[in-house]
N, C-alpha and C. Protein backbone atom coordinates (compact mmCIF):
# COMPACT_ATOMS: atom_id res chain seq x y z
N MET A 1 5.32 54.35 -2.76
CA MET A 1 6.50 53.96 -3.47
C MET A 1 7.43 52.98 -2.40
N ILE A 2 7.80 51.96 -2.99
CA ILE A 2 8.49 50.86 -1.99
C ILE A 2 9.84 51.12 -2.20
N ASN A 3 10.72 51.12 -1.08
CA ASN A 3 12.11 51.20 -1.13
C ASN A 3 12.84 49.96 -1.25
N LYS A 4 14.01 49.90 -1.29
CA LYS A 4 14.89 48.59 -1.43
C LYS A 4 14.57 47.78 0.00
N LYS A 5 14.76 48.53 1.08
CA LYS A 5 14.59 47.77 2.38
C LYS A 5 13.22 47.20 2.54
N GLN A 6 12.19 47.95 2.26
CA GLN A 6 10.78 47.49 2.28
C GLN A 6 10.68 46.21 1.45
N ALA A 7 11.28 46.40 0.19
CA ALA A 7 11.01 45.25 -0.77
C ALA A 7 11.69 43.91 -0.26
N ARG A 8 13.01 44.08 0.40
CA ARG A 8 13.63 42.89 0.84
C ARG A 8 12.89 42.27 2.02
N LEU A 9 12.42 43.12 2.93
CA LEU A 9 11.63 42.75 3.99
C LEU A 9 10.30 41.96 3.66
N ARG A 10 9.64 42.49 2.45
CA ARG A 10 8.51 41.81 1.88
C ARG A 10 8.77 40.42 1.41
N ARG A 11 10.07 40.31 0.76
CA ARG A 11 10.43 39.03 0.15
C ARG A 11 10.76 38.01 1.42
N ALA A 12 11.44 38.53 2.47
CA ALA A 12 11.65 37.75 3.67
C ALA A 12 10.43 37.27 4.21
N ARG A 13 9.51 38.17 4.35
CA ARG A 13 8.29 37.60 5.12
C ARG A 13 7.64 36.59 4.42
N ARG A 14 7.48 36.61 2.95
CA ARG A 14 6.96 35.66 2.30
C ARG A 14 7.72 34.35 2.41
N SER A 15 8.93 34.35 2.40
CA SER A 15 9.65 32.89 2.56
C SER A 15 9.49 32.46 3.93
N ARG A 16 9.51 33.35 4.92
CA ARG A 16 9.32 32.90 6.31
C ARG A 16 7.97 32.28 6.54
N ALA A 17 6.92 32.89 5.99
CA ALA A 17 5.61 32.13 6.10
C ALA A 17 5.66 30.99 5.40
N LYS A 18 6.20 30.70 4.41
CA LYS A 18 6.32 29.30 3.72
C LYS A 18 7.11 28.38 4.66
N ILE A 19 7.99 28.80 5.10
CA ILE A 19 8.97 27.92 6.05
C ILE A 19 7.98 27.59 7.39
N ALA A 20 7.34 28.59 7.91
CA ALA A 20 6.46 28.27 9.12
C ALA A 20 5.55 27.36 8.65
N GLN A 21 4.73 27.51 7.51
CA GLN A 21 3.78 26.55 7.07
C GLN A 21 4.32 25.07 7.05
N LEU A 22 5.63 24.82 6.60
CA LEU A 22 6.21 23.59 6.51
C LEU A 22 6.63 23.23 7.79
N LYS A 23 6.70 23.93 8.90
CA LYS A 23 7.07 23.52 10.23
C LYS A 23 8.44 22.81 10.19
N ALA A 24 9.28 23.71 9.47
CA ALA A 24 10.73 23.23 9.29
C ALA A 24 11.84 24.11 10.22
N VAL A 25 12.78 23.56 10.71
CA VAL A 25 13.76 24.14 11.45
C VAL A 25 14.60 24.95 10.20
N ARG A 26 14.75 26.26 10.53
CA ARG A 26 15.42 27.07 9.53
C ARG A 26 16.72 27.70 9.83
N LEU A 27 17.42 27.77 8.60
CA LEU A 27 18.82 28.31 8.78
C LEU A 27 18.75 29.80 8.21
N ALA A 28 18.74 30.72 9.11
CA ALA A 28 18.57 32.24 8.81
C ALA A 28 19.91 32.82 8.69
N VAL A 29 20.15 33.59 7.58
CA VAL A 29 21.16 34.29 7.33
C VAL A 29 20.92 35.87 7.33
N HIS A 30 21.92 36.57 7.97
CA HIS A 30 21.84 38.07 8.17
C HIS A 30 23.38 38.61 7.56
N ARG A 31 23.20 39.52 6.71
CA ARG A 31 24.60 39.93 6.11
C ARG A 31 24.73 41.55 6.37
N THR A 32 25.87 41.94 6.79
CA THR A 32 26.15 43.36 6.78
C THR A 32 27.34 43.74 5.96
N ASN A 33 27.74 44.75 5.86
CA ASN A 33 29.03 45.09 4.95
C ASN A 33 30.20 44.40 5.46
N SER A 34 30.32 44.39 6.88
CA SER A 34 31.38 43.88 7.50
C SER A 34 31.52 42.36 8.00
N HIS A 35 30.18 41.85 8.27
CA HIS A 35 30.08 40.72 8.85
C HIS A 35 28.96 39.78 8.33
N ILE A 36 28.97 38.61 8.51
CA ILE A 36 27.73 37.57 8.14
C ILE A 36 27.47 36.69 9.38
N TYR A 37 26.25 36.44 9.54
CA TYR A 37 25.60 35.94 10.62
C TYR A 37 24.69 34.73 10.20
N ALA A 38 24.75 33.48 10.91
CA ALA A 38 23.84 32.43 10.60
C ALA A 38 23.33 31.96 11.90
N GLN A 39 21.91 31.72 11.85
CA GLN A 39 21.37 31.10 13.05
C GLN A 39 20.50 29.90 12.55
N VAL A 40 20.53 28.93 13.50
CA VAL A 40 19.49 27.74 13.22
C VAL A 40 18.53 27.93 14.24
N ILE A 41 17.09 28.32 13.67
CA ILE A 41 16.06 28.62 14.40
C ILE A 41 15.08 27.39 14.64
N SER A 42 14.56 27.14 15.79
CA SER A 42 13.40 25.95 15.87
C SER A 42 12.18 26.15 14.96
N ALA A 43 11.65 24.94 14.80
CA ALA A 43 10.42 24.93 13.74
C ALA A 43 9.40 25.81 14.26
N CYS A 44 9.22 26.03 15.68
CA CYS A 44 8.14 26.99 16.00
C CYS A 44 8.43 28.43 15.82
N GLY A 45 9.81 28.69 15.45
CA GLY A 45 10.31 30.00 15.29
C GLY A 45 10.52 30.87 16.56
N THR A 46 10.50 30.33 17.82
CA THR A 46 10.65 30.98 18.94
C THR A 46 12.06 30.84 19.52
N LYS A 47 12.96 29.92 19.07
CA LYS A 47 14.09 29.63 19.88
C LYS A 47 15.34 29.42 18.90
N VAL A 48 16.32 30.28 19.13
CA VAL A 48 17.60 30.01 18.31
C VAL A 48 18.19 28.77 19.06
N LEU A 49 18.55 27.81 18.27
CA LEU A 49 19.14 26.68 18.71
C LEU A 49 20.60 26.73 18.70
N THR A 50 21.28 27.18 17.56
CA THR A 50 22.49 27.48 17.69
C THR A 50 22.92 28.66 16.66
N ALA A 51 24.13 29.33 16.63
CA ALA A 51 24.42 30.41 15.78
C ALA A 51 25.84 30.37 15.60
N ALA A 52 26.31 31.13 14.46
CA ALA A 52 27.78 31.26 14.11
C ALA A 52 27.86 32.66 13.28
N SER A 53 28.93 33.29 13.52
CA SER A 53 29.15 34.51 12.64
C SER A 53 30.66 34.77 12.56
N THR A 54 30.97 35.80 12.01
CA THR A 54 32.31 36.24 11.78
C THR A 54 32.93 36.99 12.97
N LEU A 55 32.10 37.18 13.93
CA LEU A 55 32.59 37.84 15.20
C LEU A 55 33.09 36.78 16.22
N GLU A 56 32.83 35.54 16.11
CA GLU A 56 33.28 34.60 16.86
C GLU A 56 34.85 34.42 16.77
N LYS A 57 35.65 34.27 17.84
CA LYS A 57 36.89 34.14 17.99
C LYS A 57 37.56 33.03 17.11
N GLU A 58 37.00 31.88 17.09
CA GLU A 58 37.32 30.78 16.17
C GLU A 58 37.43 31.24 14.68
N VAL A 59 36.41 31.87 14.33
CA VAL A 59 36.30 32.36 12.78
C VAL A 59 37.28 33.42 12.56
N ARG A 60 37.50 34.30 13.40
CA ARG A 60 38.41 35.55 13.30
C ARG A 60 39.66 35.15 13.16
N ALA A 61 39.89 33.95 13.73
CA ALA A 61 41.48 33.48 13.77
C ALA A 61 41.70 33.02 12.25
N THR A 62 40.80 32.44 11.57
CA THR A 62 40.93 32.01 10.22
C THR A 62 40.79 32.94 9.05
N VAL A 63 39.98 33.86 9.24
CA VAL A 63 39.70 34.93 8.31
C VAL A 63 40.03 36.30 8.76
N ALA A 64 40.74 37.17 7.90
CA ALA A 64 41.12 38.53 8.18
C ALA A 64 40.12 39.46 8.10
N ASN A 65 39.21 39.22 7.21
CA ASN A 65 38.09 40.15 6.86
C ASN A 65 36.76 39.35 6.90
N GLY A 66 35.76 39.86 7.77
CA GLY A 66 34.52 39.18 7.97
C GLY A 66 33.47 39.48 6.83
N GLY A 67 33.75 40.40 5.99
CA GLY A 67 32.91 40.80 5.02
C GLY A 67 33.18 40.24 3.49
N ASN A 68 33.73 38.99 3.39
CA ASN A 68 34.09 38.53 2.18
C ASN A 68 33.48 37.14 1.91
N VAL A 69 33.81 36.50 0.78
CA VAL A 69 33.32 35.04 0.54
C VAL A 69 33.83 34.02 1.33
N LYS A 70 35.13 34.15 1.61
CA LYS A 70 35.82 33.22 2.27
C LYS A 70 35.40 33.24 3.76
N ALA A 71 34.97 34.31 4.20
CA ALA A 71 34.61 34.41 5.68
C ALA A 71 33.10 33.68 5.68
N ALA A 72 32.29 33.99 4.64
CA ALA A 72 31.13 33.41 4.59
C ALA A 72 31.18 31.84 4.53
N GLU A 73 31.94 31.25 3.91
CA GLU A 73 32.10 29.86 3.81
C GLU A 73 32.71 29.21 5.12
N ALA A 74 33.54 30.11 5.82
CA ALA A 74 33.87 29.54 7.20
C ALA A 74 32.70 29.40 8.07
N VAL A 75 31.83 30.51 8.11
CA VAL A 75 30.64 30.60 8.82
C VAL A 75 29.63 29.41 8.46
N GLY A 76 29.60 29.22 7.19
CA GLY A 76 28.90 28.05 6.75
C GLY A 76 29.19 26.73 7.18
N LYS A 77 30.39 26.44 7.16
CA LYS A 77 31.05 25.22 7.59
C LYS A 77 30.78 25.15 9.30
N ARG A 78 31.02 26.17 9.95
CA ARG A 78 30.80 26.33 11.41
C ARG A 78 29.33 26.07 11.87
N ILE A 79 28.31 26.67 11.20
CA ILE A 79 27.03 26.45 11.53
C ILE A 79 26.57 25.09 11.20
N ALA A 80 27.15 24.43 10.23
CA ALA A 80 26.75 22.96 9.82
C ALA A 80 27.23 22.17 10.79
N ALA A 81 28.46 22.37 11.35
CA ALA A 81 28.92 21.45 12.52
C ALA A 81 28.33 21.65 13.61
N LYS A 82 27.94 22.97 13.92
CA LYS A 82 27.19 23.08 15.21
C LYS A 82 25.89 22.40 15.16
N ALA A 83 25.21 22.55 14.00
CA ALA A 83 23.82 21.96 13.87
C ALA A 83 23.73 20.41 13.93
N ARG A 84 24.92 19.86 13.31
CA ARG A 84 25.00 18.33 13.28
C ARG A 84 25.22 17.84 14.75
N GLN A 85 25.93 18.67 15.48
CA GLN A 85 26.23 18.26 16.75
C GLN A 85 24.93 18.05 17.67
N LEU A 86 24.01 18.88 17.37
CA LEU A 86 22.71 18.92 17.96
C LEU A 86 21.73 18.01 17.29
N GLY A 87 22.22 17.23 16.30
CA GLY A 87 21.33 16.24 15.73
C GLY A 87 20.39 16.81 14.62
N ILE A 88 20.84 17.89 14.15
CA ILE A 88 19.97 18.61 13.14
C ILE A 88 20.73 18.38 11.73
N GLU A 89 19.96 17.73 10.80
CA GLU A 89 20.66 17.61 9.47
C GLU A 89 19.83 18.20 8.38
N LYS A 90 18.48 18.44 8.46
CA LYS A 90 17.50 18.98 7.57
C LYS A 90 17.00 20.36 8.18
N VAL A 91 17.29 21.33 7.20
CA VAL A 91 16.75 22.64 7.58
C VAL A 91 16.28 23.41 6.32
N ALA A 92 15.59 24.36 6.55
CA ALA A 92 14.93 25.19 5.43
C ALA A 92 15.84 26.50 5.39
N PHE A 93 16.34 26.84 4.31
CA PHE A 93 17.27 28.12 4.05
C PHE A 93 16.52 29.33 3.96
N ASP A 94 16.67 30.18 4.91
CA ASP A 94 15.97 31.54 4.92
C ASP A 94 17.12 32.61 4.71
N ARG A 95 17.10 33.05 3.34
CA ARG A 95 18.05 34.07 3.04
C ARG A 95 17.66 35.47 3.38
N GLY A 96 16.64 35.74 4.04
CA GLY A 96 16.16 36.99 4.50
C GLY A 96 15.88 37.94 3.40
N GLY A 97 15.43 37.51 2.38
CA GLY A 97 14.96 38.40 1.21
C GLY A 97 16.18 38.85 0.36
N LEU A 98 17.35 38.30 0.75
CA LEU A 98 18.58 38.64 0.09
C LEU A 98 18.78 37.91 -1.18
N GLN A 99 19.42 38.27 -2.17
CA GLN A 99 19.71 37.59 -3.38
C GLN A 99 20.66 36.43 -3.30
N TYR A 100 20.28 35.28 -3.87
CA TYR A 100 21.14 34.13 -3.60
C TYR A 100 22.42 34.22 -4.53
N HIS A 101 23.32 34.95 -4.12
CA HIS A 101 24.67 35.08 -4.71
C HIS A 101 25.63 35.59 -3.87
N GLY A 102 26.93 35.56 -4.23
CA GLY A 102 27.95 36.10 -3.40
C GLY A 102 28.08 35.30 -2.13
N ARG A 103 28.12 36.18 -1.10
CA ARG A 103 28.46 35.66 0.33
C ARG A 103 27.21 34.73 0.78
N VAL A 104 26.01 35.05 0.35
CA VAL A 104 24.85 34.30 0.89
C VAL A 104 25.02 32.86 0.19
N LYS A 105 25.27 32.85 -1.07
CA LYS A 105 25.35 31.54 -1.74
C LYS A 105 26.67 30.78 -1.34
N ALA A 106 27.80 31.41 -0.86
CA ALA A 106 28.98 30.74 -0.34
C ALA A 106 28.66 30.18 0.99
N LEU A 107 27.93 30.76 1.84
CA LEU A 107 27.57 30.28 3.13
C LEU A 107 26.70 29.04 3.10
N ALA A 108 25.68 29.14 2.01
CA ALA A 108 24.70 27.96 1.78
C ALA A 108 25.50 26.84 1.29
N GLU A 109 26.39 27.03 0.33
CA GLU A 109 27.17 25.78 -0.34
C GLU A 109 27.99 25.23 0.63
N ALA A 110 28.63 26.11 1.54
CA ALA A 110 29.59 25.56 2.53
C ALA A 110 28.90 24.76 3.59
N ALA A 111 27.74 25.16 4.03
CA ALA A 111 26.93 24.38 4.88
C ALA A 111 26.33 23.07 4.27
N ARG A 112 26.05 23.06 2.99
CA ARG A 112 25.63 21.84 2.32
C ARG A 112 26.82 20.86 2.29
N GLU A 113 27.88 21.32 1.92
CA GLU A 113 29.28 20.55 1.91
C GLU A 113 29.58 19.86 3.38
N ALA A 114 29.25 20.60 4.22
CA ALA A 114 29.59 20.18 5.67
C ALA A 114 28.58 19.18 6.24
N GLY A 115 27.33 19.01 5.45
CA GLY A 115 26.44 17.87 5.79
C GLY A 115 25.08 18.32 6.04
N LEU A 116 24.79 19.70 5.98
CA LEU A 116 23.38 20.01 6.26
C LEU A 116 22.55 19.77 4.80
N LYS A 117 21.33 19.42 5.05
CA LYS A 117 20.54 19.09 3.82
C LYS A 117 19.39 20.30 3.73
N PHE A 118 19.35 20.93 2.52
CA PHE A 118 18.34 21.90 2.30
C PHE A 118 18.29 22.31 0.81
């Protein structure tokens, strides 16, 4: 019998395999109850090029709670700005097996509005 965590990890592995096959730079999202994290990872999958999260001082100054949609939008804008500074405009979105709604969707849409293409 498969539990929720194993099912999510299986979905994540499947999408990561497809992204690796495409040899694309990926925007990986990790979500906890109190924070949200985003990383831009190289096409080979071995190097984190840039990262943003609700733990950063600049983000904490703008949002009171790191576990809500407003915080996810702030992280999405920040990761997009950092990626564009490095000259990265096209990424593959890796939601880590999480459902595309709520905070994950808010982060993705904010990153798109800030100029990332995926």
